[in-house]
Amino acid sequence: MAYYWVNLGKTLSRDVKNGKIWSSVSDKSDKELKHPEYGRFRINDIIFPYKGNKIEYIGIVRKECYLDKLAYEYKEGNKPIGTPVYSVDVEFNAISPVEMGFPFFNNEPAVLFKKNNMLRENGYIKIQSVFSLGHEIVSYLLKKLNLDIDADIIEITKDKPTEMLHYIKIRTAQSEFKRELLRHWKNCCALTGINTQHLIASHIKPWKDSNDQERSDPYNGLPLLANYDYAFDKYLISFKNDGTMLFDTNNKGLLKELGVDTSKGLKTVYEGNKKYLTHHRDKFYETASTPSELQ
């Protein structure tokens, strides 16, 4: 997984709406369909999209660079583009907008951005589209944006050779939320009871659907091992208010491959959890064709 800074500017709102970033094909005779900047992106790479001295989203690459023939959807100014474009599909995650504070002169961020060859002499970001980011500047950006990114690898055992599902989750304003959540649960998984530092602080009501109070409410969370977090986040499982696990019986094979024990239930259900669990169950029932409780 790599990290990139992408200057999007005035196209950002449209890019978010379309779920992709794009660039014009500069050489219309190009038959190899290569792009010197967008061609470097790989699935699950993380993108910091920049516009107007602010970062408002974090992106996850979901499809690598391809020639997009739906060029009529794109415009430069008010004129439709008459040729195909290079596109990269991106999942944009909204965060609380953060002012970056350019121009930078003689301070820590100035040193980091210069070291990454991103800063002009006037202290502003260079105009080029894409910058590959080193470890130091990534750490600075995550801290400034108050982000925590979980990149967990879940083994899925099948009859075929073992496959690896790279599961990327972006957690916003996570540090305090996670500390309080783990304190409630004594640093143990809410399902297995395992005490480990590798637990994921999983929101019950998703971040994108929650208000500011709900986002930081420790009762809107469960500390889970990565495989259970994945299943919970994708509504493959849910829970009753007594802690009983619900699952779609059509997905029982997949859950077994993920290592999810469907006989387990939540060790504890706090009163404050219940309204959030109700929200999660409603979403679960929308997608589950044969809920386990109906069998």
C-alpha atoms as a PDB file:
ATOM      1  CA  MET A   1       0.000   0.000   0.000  1.00  0.00           C
ATOM      2  CA  ALA A   2       1.426   3.361  -1.069  1.00  0.00           C
ATOM      3  CA  TYR A   3       0.404   6.942  -0.247  1.00  0.00           C
ATOM      4  CA  TYR A   4      -0.059   9.796  -2.716  1.00  0.00           C
ATOM      5  CA  TRP A   5      -0.863  13.491  -2.673  1.00  0.00           C
ATOM      6  CA  VAL A   6      -3.096  14.427  -5.631  1.00  0.00           C
ATOM      7  CA  ASN A   7      -3.804  18.025  -6.644  1.00  0.00           C
ATOM      8  CA  LEU A   8      -7.433  18.037  -7.831  1.00  0.00           C
ATOM      9  CA  GLY A   9      -8.512  21.650  -7.430  1.00  0.00           C
ATOM     10  CA  LYS A  10     -11.837  22.631  -8.989  1.00  0.00           C
ATOM     11  CA  THR A  11     -12.586  19.093 -10.226  1.00  0.00           C
ATOM     12  CA  LEU A  12     -12.793  17.651  -6.691  1.00  0.00           C
ATOM     13  CA  SER A  13     -16.571  17.828  -6.172  1.00  0.00           C
ATOM     14  CA  ARG A  14     -17.240  16.162  -9.518  1.00  0.00           C
ATOM     15  CA  ASP A  15     -14.553  13.543  -8.880  1.00  0.00           C
ATOM     16  CA  VAL A  16     -16.163  12.680  -5.527  1.00  0.00           C
ATOM     17  CA  LYS A  17     -19.587  12.422  -7.190  1.00  0.00           C
ATOM     18  CA  ASN A  18     -18.275  10.147  -9.959  1.00  0.00           C
ATOM     19  CA  GLY A  19     -16.010   8.113  -7.676  1.00  0.00           C
ATOM     20  CA  LYS A  20     -12.992   8.550  -9.917  1.00  0.00           C
ATOM     21  CA  ILE A  21     -10.112  10.853 -10.761  1.00  0.00           C
ATOM     22  CA  TRP A  22      -9.140  11.415 -14.369  1.00  0.00           C
ATOM     23  CA  SER A  23      -6.641  13.013 -16.698  1.00  0.00           C
ATOM     24  CA  SER A  24      -6.868  13.868 -20.377  1.00  0.00           C
ATOM     25  CA  VAL A  25      -5.044  11.697 -22.896  1.00  0.00           C
ATOM     26  CA  SER A  26      -2.282  14.073 -23.903  1.00  0.00           C
ATOM     27  CA  ASP A  27      -1.186  12.064 -26.934  1.00  0.00           C
ATOM     28  CA  LYS A  28      -4.255  11.083 -28.950  1.00  0.00           C
ATOM     29  CA  SER A  29      -2.160   8.564 -30.907  1.00  0.00           C
ATOM     30  CA  ASP A  30      -1.102   6.783 -27.735  1.00  0.00           C
ATOM     31  CA  LYS A  31      -1.813   3.108 -28.339  1.00  0.00           C
ATOM     32  CA  GLU A  32      -0.196   1.717 -25.182  1.00  0.00           C
ATOM     33  CA  LEU A  33      -2.665   3.490 -22.887  1.00  0.00           C
ATOM     34  CA  LYS A  34      -0.063   4.510 -20.347  1.00  0.00           C
ATOM     35  CA  HIS A  35      -0.151   7.496 -18.035  1.00  0.00           C
ATOM     36  CA  PRO A  36       3.054   8.647 -16.302  1.00  0.00           C
ATOM     37  CA  GLU A  37       1.301   9.612 -13.054  1.00  0.00           C
ATOM     38  CA  TYR A  38      -2.032   7.779 -12.775  1.00  0.00           C
ATOM     39  CA  GLY A  39      -0.461   4.575 -14.046  1.00  0.00           C
ATOM     40  CA  ARG A  40       1.424   4.181 -10.774  1.00  0.00           C
ATOM     41  CA  PHE A  41      -1.705   3.742  -8.613  1.00  0.00           C
ATOM     42  CA  ARG A  42      -2.478   0.268  -7.305  1.00  0.00           C
ATOM     43  CA  ILE A  43      -5.646  -1.052  -5.648  1.00  0.00           C
ATOM     44  CA  ASN A  44      -5.855   0.000  -1.961  1.00  0.00           C
ATOM     45  CA  ASP A  45      -3.326   2.815  -2.328  1.00  0.00           C
ATOM     46  CA  ILE A  46      -4.263   5.843  -0.216  1.00  0.00           C
ATOM     47  CA  ILE A  47      -4.806   9.268  -1.800  1.00  0.00           C
ATOM     48  CA  PHE A  48      -4.790  12.686  -0.124  1.00  0.00           C
ATOM     49  CA  PRO A  49      -6.860  14.849  -2.548  1.00  0.00           C
ATOM     50  CA  TYR A  50      -5.945  18.535  -2.244  1.00  0.00           C
ATOM     51  CA  LYS A  51      -8.013  21.584  -3.159  1.00  0.00           C
ATOM     52  CA  GLY A  52      -7.818  25.237  -2.146  1.00  0.00           C
ATOM     53  CA  ASN A  53      -5.411  24.836   0.802  1.00  0.00           C
ATOM     54  CA  LYS A  54      -7.694  22.159   2.308  1.00  0.00           C
ATOM     55  CA  ILE A  55      -8.056  18.404   2.530  1.00  0.00           C
ATOM     56  CA  GLU A  56     -11.691  17.283   2.885  1.00  0.00           C
ATOM     57  CA  TYR A  57     -11.504  13.645   1.773  1.00  0.00           C
ATOM     58  CA  ILE A  58      -9.248  10.637   1.918  1.00  0.00           C
ATOM     59  CA  GLY A  59      -9.351   8.313  -1.087  1.00  0.00           C
ATOM     60  CA  ILE A  60      -8.769   4.584  -1.527  1.00  0.00           C
ATOM     61  CA  VAL A  61      -7.914   3.331  -5.022  1.00  0.00           C
ATOM     62  CA  ARG A  62     -10.500   0.729  -6.056  1.00  0.00           C
ATOM     63  CA  LYS A  63      -9.615   0.272  -9.756  1.00  0.00           C
ATOM     64  CA  GLU A  64      -6.283   0.945 -11.438  1.00  0.00           C
ATOM     65  CA  CYS A  65      -5.784   3.296 -14.393  1.00  0.00           C
ATOM     66  CA  TYR A  66      -7.888   2.518 -17.460  1.00  0.00           C
ATOM     67  CA  LEU A  67      -8.994   4.244 -20.642  1.00  0.00           C
ATOM     68  CA  ASP A  68     -12.429   5.684 -19.900  1.00  0.00           C
ATOM     69  CA  LYS A  69     -14.552   6.085 -23.010  1.00  0.00           C
ATOM     70  CA  LEU A  70     -17.322   7.941 -21.165  1.00  0.00           C
ATOM     71  CA  ALA A  71     -15.504  11.176 -21.813  1.00  0.00           C
ATOM     72  CA  TYR A  72     -18.689  13.112 -22.508  1.00  0.00           C
ATOM     73  CA  GLU A  73     -19.294  13.155 -18.745  1.00  0.00           C
ATOM     74  CA  TYR A  74     -16.191  15.244 -18.209  1.00  0.00           C
ATOM     75  CA  LYS A  75     -15.615  18.885 -18.978  1.00  0.00           C
ATOM     76  CA  GLU A  76     -12.672  21.244 -18.954  1.00  0.00           C
ATOM     77  CA  GLY A  77     -14.244  24.583 -18.177  1.00  0.00           C
ATOM     78  CA  ASN A  78     -17.593  24.474 -19.968  1.00  0.00           C
ATOM     79  CA  LYS A  79     -16.399  22.423 -22.929  1.00  0.00           C
ATOM     80  CA  PRO A  80     -16.898  18.652 -23.056  1.00  0.00           C
ATOM     81  CA  ILE A  81     -13.736  16.652 -23.651  1.00  0.00           C
ATOM     82  CA  GLY A  82     -13.863  15.141 -27.111  1.00  0.00           C
ATOM     83  CA  THR A  83     -11.491  12.253 -26.474  1.00  0.00           C
ATOM     84  CA  PRO A  84     -11.284   9.445 -23.911  1.00  0.00           C
ATOM     85  CA  VAL A  85      -9.559  10.079 -20.597  1.00  0.00           C
ATOM     86  CA  TYR A  86      -7.464   8.068 -18.192  1.00  0.00           C
ATOM     87  CA  SER A  87      -9.504   7.249 -15.079  1.00  0.00           C
ATOM     88  CA  VAL A  88      -8.751   5.713 -11.688  1.00  0.00           C
ATOM     89  CA  ASP A  89     -11.723   4.615  -9.568  1.00  0.00           C
ATOM     90  CA  VAL A  90     -11.479   5.994  -6.032  1.00  0.00           C
ATOM     91  CA  GLU A  91     -13.568   5.515  -2.891  1.00  0.00           C
ATOM     92  CA  PHE A  92     -13.701   8.973  -1.289  1.00  0.00           C
ATOM     93  CA  ASN A  93     -14.156   9.150   2.498  1.00  0.00           C
ATOM     94  CA  ALA A  94     -15.301  12.528   3.843  1.00  0.00           C
ATOM     95  CA  ILE A  95     -13.433  13.931   6.840  1.00  0.00           C
ATOM     96  CA  SER A  96     -13.687  17.184   8.763  1.00  0.00           C
ATOM     97  CA  PRO A  97     -12.016  19.715   6.420  1.00  0.00           C
ATOM     98  CA  VAL A  98      -8.501  20.653   7.514  1.00  0.00           C
ATOM     99  CA  GLU A  99      -6.698  23.823   6.426  1.00  0.00           C
ATOM    100  CA  MET A 100      -3.164  22.877   5.414  1.00  0.00           C
ATOM    101  CA  GLY A 101      -1.739  26.304   6.212  1.00  0.00           C
ATOM    102  CA  PHE A 102       0.310  27.029   3.103  1.00  0.00           C
ATOM    103  CA  PRO A 103       2.634  28.842   2.510  1.00  0.00           C
ATOM    104  CA  PHE A 104       5.231  26.980   4.595  1.00  0.00           C
ATOM    105  CA  PHE A 105       8.540  28.662   5.474  1.00  0.00           C
ATOM    106  CA  ASN A 106      11.246  27.410   7.830  1.00  0.00           C
ATOM    107  CA  ASN A 107       9.032  25.138   9.911  1.00  0.00           C
ATOM    108  CA  GLU A 108       8.525  21.369  10.305  1.00  0.00           C
ATOM    109  CA  PRO A 109       6.021  20.951   7.448  1.00  0.00           C
ATOM    110  CA  ALA A 110       8.236  23.066   5.171  1.00  0.00           C
ATOM    111  CA  VAL A 111      11.129  20.687   5.806  1.00  0.00           C
ATOM    112  CA  LEU A 112       8.963  17.635   5.158  1.00  0.00           C
ATOM    113  CA  PHE A 113       7.342  18.989   1.985  1.00  0.00           C
ATOM    114  CA  LYS A 114      10.704  20.155   0.620  1.00  0.00           C
ATOM    115  CA  LYS A 115      12.249  16.774   1.404  1.00  0.00           C
ATOM    116  CA  ASN A 116       9.449  15.204  -0.631  1.00  0.00           C
ATOM    117  CA  ASN A 117      10.133  17.722  -3.441  1.00  0.00           C
ATOM    118  CA  MET A 118       6.605  19.158  -3.219  1.00  0.00           C
ATOM    119  CA  LEU A 119       7.176  22.800  -2.295  1.00  0.00           C
ATOM    120  CA  ARG A 120       7.790  25.822  -4.513  1.00  0.00           C
ATOM    121  CA  GLU A 121      10.040  28.690  -3.452  1.00  0.00           C
ATOM    122  CA  ASN A 122       6.987  30.778  -2.518  1.00  0.00           C
ATOM    123  CA  GLY A 123       6.008  28.165   0.091  1.00  0.00           C
ATOM    124  CA  TYR A 124       3.035  26.750  -1.830  1.00  0.00           C
ATOM    125  CA  ILE A 125       2.544  23.252  -3.202  1.00  0.00           C
ATOM    126  CA  LYS A 126       3.947  22.521  -6.661  1.00  0.00           C
ATOM    127  CA  ILE A 127       1.539  22.347  -9.569  1.00  0.00           C
ATOM    128  CA  GLN A 128       2.239  18.784 -10.744  1.00  0.00           C
ATOM    129  CA  SER A 129      -0.677  16.369 -10.321  1.00  0.00           C
ATOM    130  CA  VAL A 130       0.661  13.520  -8.208  1.00  0.00           C
ATOM    131  CA  PHE A 131       3.317  13.163  -5.503  1.00  0.00           C
ATOM    132  CA  SER A 132       4.426   9.870  -4.014  1.00  0.00           C
ATOM    133  CA  LEU A 133       4.684  10.319  -0.235  1.00  0.00           C
ATOM    134  CA  GLY A 134       7.415   9.065   2.077  1.00  0.00           C
ATOM    135  CA  HIS A 135       6.893   7.710   5.590  1.00  0.00           C
ATOM    136  CA  GLU A 136       7.707  10.949   7.427  1.00  0.00           C
ATOM    137  CA  ILE A 137       5.274  13.148   5.528  1.00  0.00           C
ATOM    138  CA  VAL A 138       2.548  10.471   5.705  1.00  0.00           C
ATOM    139  CA  SER A 139       2.931  10.402   9.501  1.00  0.00           C
ATOM    140  CA  TYR A 140       2.708  14.211   9.586  1.00  0.00           C
ATOM    141  CA  LEU A 141      -0.437  14.274   7.422  1.00  0.00           C
ATOM    142  CA  LEU A 142      -2.222  11.548   9.395  1.00  0.00           C
ATOM    143  CA  LYS A 143      -1.501  13.398  12.627  1.00  0.00           C
ATOM    144  CA  LYS A 144      -2.625  16.763  11.202  1.00  0.00           C
ATOM    145  CA  LEU A 145      -5.807  15.267   9.774  1.00  0.00           C
ATOM    146  CA  ASN A 146      -6.446  13.274  12.965  1.00  0.00           C
ATOM    147  CA  LEU A 147      -6.627  10.032  11.008  1.00  0.00           C
ATOM    148  CA  ASP A 148      -5.874   6.422  11.759  1.00  0.00           C
ATOM    149  CA  ILE A 149      -5.749   3.993   8.859  1.00  0.00           C
ATOM    150  CA  ASP A 150      -6.244   0.282   9.489  1.00  0.00           C
ATOM    151  CA  ALA A 151      -4.726  -1.880   6.771  1.00  0.00           C
ATOM    152  CA  ASP A 152      -5.512  -5.425   7.750  1.00  0.00           C
ATOM    153  CA  ILE A 153      -4.800  -8.557   5.750  1.00  0.00           C
ATOM    154  CA  ILE A 154      -7.398 -11.259   6.187  1.00  0.00           C
ATOM    155  CA  GLU A 155      -6.603 -14.784   5.041  1.00  0.00           C
ATOM    156  CA  ILE A 156      -9.433 -16.439   3.151  1.00  0.00           C
ATOM    157  CA  THR A 157      -8.894 -20.205   2.943  1.00  0.00           C
ATOM    158  CA  LYS A 158     -10.556 -21.883  -0.032  1.00  0.00           C
ATOM    159  CA  ASP A 159     -10.166 -25.126  -1.941  1.00  0.00           C
ATOM    160  CA  LYS A 160      -7.923 -23.090  -4.180  1.00  0.00           C
ATOM    161  CA  PRO A 161      -4.614 -21.707  -2.867  1.00  0.00           C
ATOM    162  CA  THR A 162      -5.063 -19.264  -0.009  1.00  0.00           C
ATOM    163  CA  GLU A 163      -6.069 -15.815  -1.172  1.00  0.00           C
ATOM    164  CA  MET A 164      -5.302 -12.595   0.658  1.00  0.00           C
ATOM    165  CA  LEU A 165      -8.002  -9.967   0.922  1.00  0.00           C
ATOM    166  CA  HIS A 166      -6.434  -6.573   1.564  1.00  0.00           C
ATOM    167  CA  TYR A 167      -8.956  -4.753   3.661  1.00  0.00           C
ATOM    168  CA  ILE A 168      -8.408  -1.034   4.069  1.00  0.00           C
ATOM    169  CA  LYS A 169     -10.402   1.046   6.525  1.00  0.00           C
ATOM    170  CA  ILE A 170      -9.950   4.710   7.242  1.00  0.00           C
ATOM    171  CA  ARG A 171     -10.732   5.781  10.759  1.00  0.00           C
ATOM    172  CA  THR A 172     -11.237   9.447  11.502  1.00  0.00           C
ATOM    173  CA  ALA A 173     -10.771  11.102  14.893  1.00  0.00           C
ATOM    174  CA  GLN A 174     -10.009   7.614  16.087  1.00  0.00           C
ATOM    175  CA  SER A 175      -7.430   7.935  18.829  1.00  0.00           C
ATOM    176  CA  GLU A 176      -9.646   9.151  21.683  1.00  0.00           C
ATOM    177  CA  PHE A 177     -12.610   7.053  20.506  1.00  0.00           C
ATOM    178  CA  LYS A 178     -10.487   3.905  20.376  1.00  0.00           C
ATOM    179  CA  ARG A 179      -8.895   4.496  23.786  1.00  0.00           C
ATOM    180  CA  GLU A 180     -12.297   4.971  25.434  1.00  0.00           C
ATOM    181  CA  LEU A 181     -13.798   1.995  23.605  1.00  0.00           C
ATOM    182  CA  LEU A 182     -10.975  -0.324  24.657  1.00  0.00           C
ATOM    183  CA  ARG A 183     -11.254   0.928  28.245  1.00  0.00           C
ATOM    184  CA  HIS A 184     -14.920  -0.145  28.279  1.00  0.00           C
ATOM    185  CA  TRP A 185     -14.017  -3.558  26.951  1.00  0.00           C
ATOM    186  CA  LYS A 186     -10.771  -4.009  28.933  1.00  0.00           C
ATOM    187  CA  ASN A 187      -8.775  -4.304  25.687  1.00  0.00           C
ATOM    188  CA  CYS A 188     -10.625  -7.476  24.689  1.00  0.00           C
ATOM    189  CA  CYS A 189     -12.483  -8.450  21.501  1.00  0.00           C
ATOM    190  CA  ALA A 190     -16.225  -8.047  22.059  1.00  0.00           C
ATOM    191  CA  LEU A 191     -16.856 -11.494  20.522  1.00  0.00           C
ATOM    192  CA  THR A 192     -13.899 -13.738  21.288  1.00  0.00           C
ATOM    193  CA  GLY A 193     -12.653 -12.123  24.500  1.00  0.00           C
ATOM    194  CA  ILE A 194      -9.103 -12.203  23.125  1.00  0.00           C
ATOM    195  CA  ASN A 195      -6.857  -9.512  24.613  1.00  0.00           C
ATOM    196  CA  THR A 196      -4.660  -8.140  21.820  1.00  0.00           C
ATOM    197  CA  GLN A 197      -3.271  -4.816  20.603  1.00  0.00           C
ATOM    198  CA  HIS A 198      -4.505  -5.592  17.079  1.00  0.00           C
ATOM    199  CA  LEU A 199      -8.181  -4.932  17.748  1.00  0.00           C
ATOM    200  CA  ILE A 200     -10.070  -2.620  15.377  1.00  0.00           C
ATOM    201  CA  ALA A 201     -12.362   0.018  16.856  1.00  0.00           C
ATOM    202  CA  SER A 202     -15.386  -0.674  14.676  1.00  0.00           C
ATOM    203  CA  HIS A 203     -18.195   1.880  14.555  1.00  0.00           C
ATOM    204  CA  ILE A 204     -21.640   0.251  14.859  1.00  0.00           C
ATOM    205  CA  LYS A 205     -23.434   3.094  13.123  1.00  0.00           C
ATOM    206  CA  PRO A 206     -21.008   3.995  10.312  1.00  0.00           C
ATOM    207  CA  TRP A 207     -18.952   7.165  10.548  1.00  0.00           C
ATOM    208  CA  LYS A 208     -20.512   8.573   7.370  1.00  0.00           C
ATOM    209  CA  ASP A 209     -24.033   8.171   8.812  1.00  0.00           C
ATOM    210  CA  SER A 210     -23.227   9.545  12.277  1.00  0.00           C
ATOM    211  CA  ASN A 211     -23.230  13.071  13.684  1.00  0.00           C
ATOM    212  CA  ASP A 212     -20.256  14.455  15.617  1.00  0.00           C
ATOM    213  CA  GLN A 213     -21.517  13.177  18.974  1.00  0.00           C
ATOM    214  CA  GLU A 214     -22.190   9.685  17.614  1.00  0.00           C
ATOM    215  CA  ARG A 215     -18.791   9.501  15.938  1.00  0.00           C
ATOM    216  CA  SER A 216     -16.966   9.933  19.239  1.00  0.00           C
ATOM    217  CA  ASP A 217     -19.437   7.962  21.404  1.00  0.00           C
ATOM    218  CA  PRO A 218     -17.681   4.794  22.663  1.00  0.00           C
ATOM    219  CA  TYR A 219     -21.076   3.062  22.850  1.00  0.00           C
ATOM    220  CA  ASN A 220     -21.203   3.400  19.062  1.00  0.00           C
ATOM    221  CA  GLY A 221     -18.366   0.943  18.773  1.00  0.00           C
ATOM    222  CA  LEU A 222     -17.183  -2.621  19.231  1.00  0.00           C
ATOM    223  CA  PRO A 223     -13.548  -3.740  19.542  1.00  0.00           C
ATOM    224  CA  LEU A 224     -13.227  -6.588  17.051  1.00  0.00           C
ATOM    225  CA  LEU A 225     -10.609  -8.821  15.471  1.00  0.00           C
ATOM    226  CA  ALA A 226     -10.060  -7.975  11.798  1.00  0.00           C
ATOM    227  CA  ASN A 227     -12.116 -10.830  10.340  1.00  0.00           C
ATOM    228  CA  TYR A 228     -15.150 -10.044  12.538  1.00  0.00           C
ATOM    229  CA  ASP A 229     -14.773  -6.331  11.845  1.00  0.00           C
ATOM    230  CA  TYR A 230     -14.821  -6.998   8.107  1.00  0.00           C
ATOM    231  CA  ALA A 231     -17.978  -9.119   8.349  1.00  0.00           C
ATOM    232  CA  PHE A 232     -19.678  -6.567  10.618  1.00  0.00           C
ATOM    233  CA  ASP A 233     -18.717  -3.604   8.437  1.00  0.00           C
ATOM    234  CA  LYS A 234     -20.066  -5.330   5.297  1.00  0.00           C
ATOM    235  CA  TYR A 235     -23.336  -6.311   7.049  1.00  0.00           C
ATOM    236  CA  LEU A 236     -22.540  -9.997   6.682  1.00  0.00           C
ATOM    237  CA  ILE A 237     -23.329 -10.247  10.403  1.00  0.00           C
ATOM    238  CA  SER A 238     -25.226  -8.170  12.968  1.00  0.00           C
ATOM    239  CA  PHE A 239     -26.380  -8.577  16.572  1.00  0.00           C
ATOM    240  CA  LYS A 240     -29.582  -8.612  18.582  1.00  0.00           C
ATOM    241  CA  ASN A 241     -29.789  -6.461  21.705  1.00  0.00           C
ATOM    242  CA  ASP A 242     -29.041  -9.569  23.785  1.00  0.00           C
ATOM    243  CA  GLY A 243     -25.786 -10.075  21.864  1.00  0.00           C
ATOM    244  CA  THR A 244     -26.923 -12.994  19.662  1.00  0.00           C
ATOM    245  CA  MET A 245     -25.213 -12.975  16.272  1.00  0.00           C
ATOM    246  CA  LEU A 246     -27.355 -12.636  13.149  1.00  0.00           C
ATOM    247  CA  PHE A 247     -26.102 -13.710   9.731  1.00  0.00           C
ATOM    248  CA  ASP A 248     -27.387 -14.435   6.258  1.00  0.00           C
ATOM    249  CA  THR A 249     -27.441 -18.201   5.862  1.00  0.00           C
ATOM    250  CA  ASN A 250     -26.633 -17.736   2.166  1.00  0.00           C
ATOM    251  CA  ASN A 251     -23.251 -16.331   3.271  1.00  0.00           C
ATOM    252  CA  LYS A 252     -22.450 -19.089   5.759  1.00  0.00           C
ATOM    253  CA  GLY A 253     -19.743 -20.516   3.483  1.00  0.00           C
ATOM    254  CA  LEU A 254     -18.078 -17.135   3.065  1.00  0.00           C
ATOM    255  CA  LEU A 255     -18.222 -16.474   6.813  1.00  0.00           C
ATOM    256  CA  LYS A 256     -16.536 -19.825   7.436  1.00  0.00           C
ATOM    257  CA  GLU A 257     -13.774 -18.905   4.972  1.00  0.00           C
ATOM    258  CA  LEU A 258     -13.305 -15.619   6.822  1.00  0.00           C
ATOM    259  CA  GLY A 259     -12.942 -17.505  10.100  1.00  0.00           C
ATOM    260  CA  VAL A 260     -16.166 -16.087  11.545  1.00  0.00           C
ATOM    261  CA  ASP A 261     -17.726 -18.378  14.171  1.00  0.00           C
ATOM    262  CA  THR A 262     -21.457 -17.755  13.818  1.00  0.00           C
ATOM    263  CA  SER A 263     -22.186 -19.381  17.188  1.00  0.00           C
ATOM    264  CA  LYS A 264     -20.477 -16.546  19.029  1.00  0.00           C
ATOM    265  CA  GLY A 265     -22.270 -13.548  20.476  1.00  0.00           C
ATOM    266  CA  LEU A 266     -21.283 -10.274  22.091  1.00  0.00           C
ATOM    267  CA  LYS A 267     -19.785 -10.825  25.547  1.00  0.00           C
ATOM    268  CA  THR A 268     -21.610  -7.734  26.822  1.00  0.00           C
ATOM    269  CA  VAL A 269     -24.241  -5.357  25.469  1.00  0.00           C
ATOM    270  CA  TYR A 270     -24.283  -1.963  27.180  1.00  0.00           C
ATOM    271  CA  GLU A 271     -27.510   0.003  27.262  1.00  0.00           C
ATOM    272  CA  GLY A 272     -25.804   2.688  25.198  1.00  0.00           C
ATOM    273  CA  ASN A 273     -25.048   0.138  22.440  1.00  0.00           C
ATOM    274  CA  LYS A 274     -28.672  -0.724  21.752  1.00  0.00           C
ATOM    275  CA  LYS A 275     -29.780   2.226  19.631  1.00  0.00           C
ATOM    276  CA  TYR A 276     -26.704   1.789  17.438  1.00  0.00           C
ATOM    277  CA  LEU A 277     -27.234  -1.972  17.134  1.00  0.00           C
ATOM    278  CA  THR A 278     -30.822  -1.266  16.038  1.00  0.00           C
ATOM    279  CA  HIS A 279     -29.486   0.964  13.243  1.00  0.00           C
ATOM    280  CA  HIS A 280     -27.008  -1.734  12.187  1.00  0.00           C
ATOM    281  CA  ARG A 281     -29.683  -4.464  12.220  1.00  0.00           C
ATOM    282  CA  ASP A 282     -31.954  -2.367   9.997  1.00  0.00           C
ATOM    283  CA  LYS A 283     -29.157  -2.165   7.414  1.00  0.00           C
ATOM    284  CA  PHE A 284     -28.433  -5.873   7.823  1.00  0.00           C
ATOM    285  CA  TYR A 285     -32.071  -6.804   7.146  1.00  0.00           C
ATOM    286  CA  GLU A 286     -32.032  -4.675   3.993  1.00  0.00           C
ATOM    287  CA  THR A 287     -29.277  -6.834   2.497  1.00  0.00           C
ATOM    288  CA  ALA A 288     -29.843 -10.271   4.061  1.00  0.00           C
ATOM    289  CA  SER A 289     -32.046 -12.564   1.976  1.00  0.00           C
ATOM    290  CA  THR A 290     -32.296 -15.340   4.609  1.00  0.00           C
ATOM    291  CA  PRO A 291     -31.485 -14.002   8.116  1.00  0.00           C
ATOM    292  CA  SER A 292     -30.439 -16.761  10.521  1.00  0.00           C
ATOM    293  CA  GLU A 293     -33.169 -15.954  13.046  1.00  0.00           C
ATOM    294  CA  LEU A 294     -35.809 -16.832  10.454  1.00  0.00           C
ATOM    295  CA  GLN A 295     -34.443 -20.363   9.951  1.00  0.00           C
END
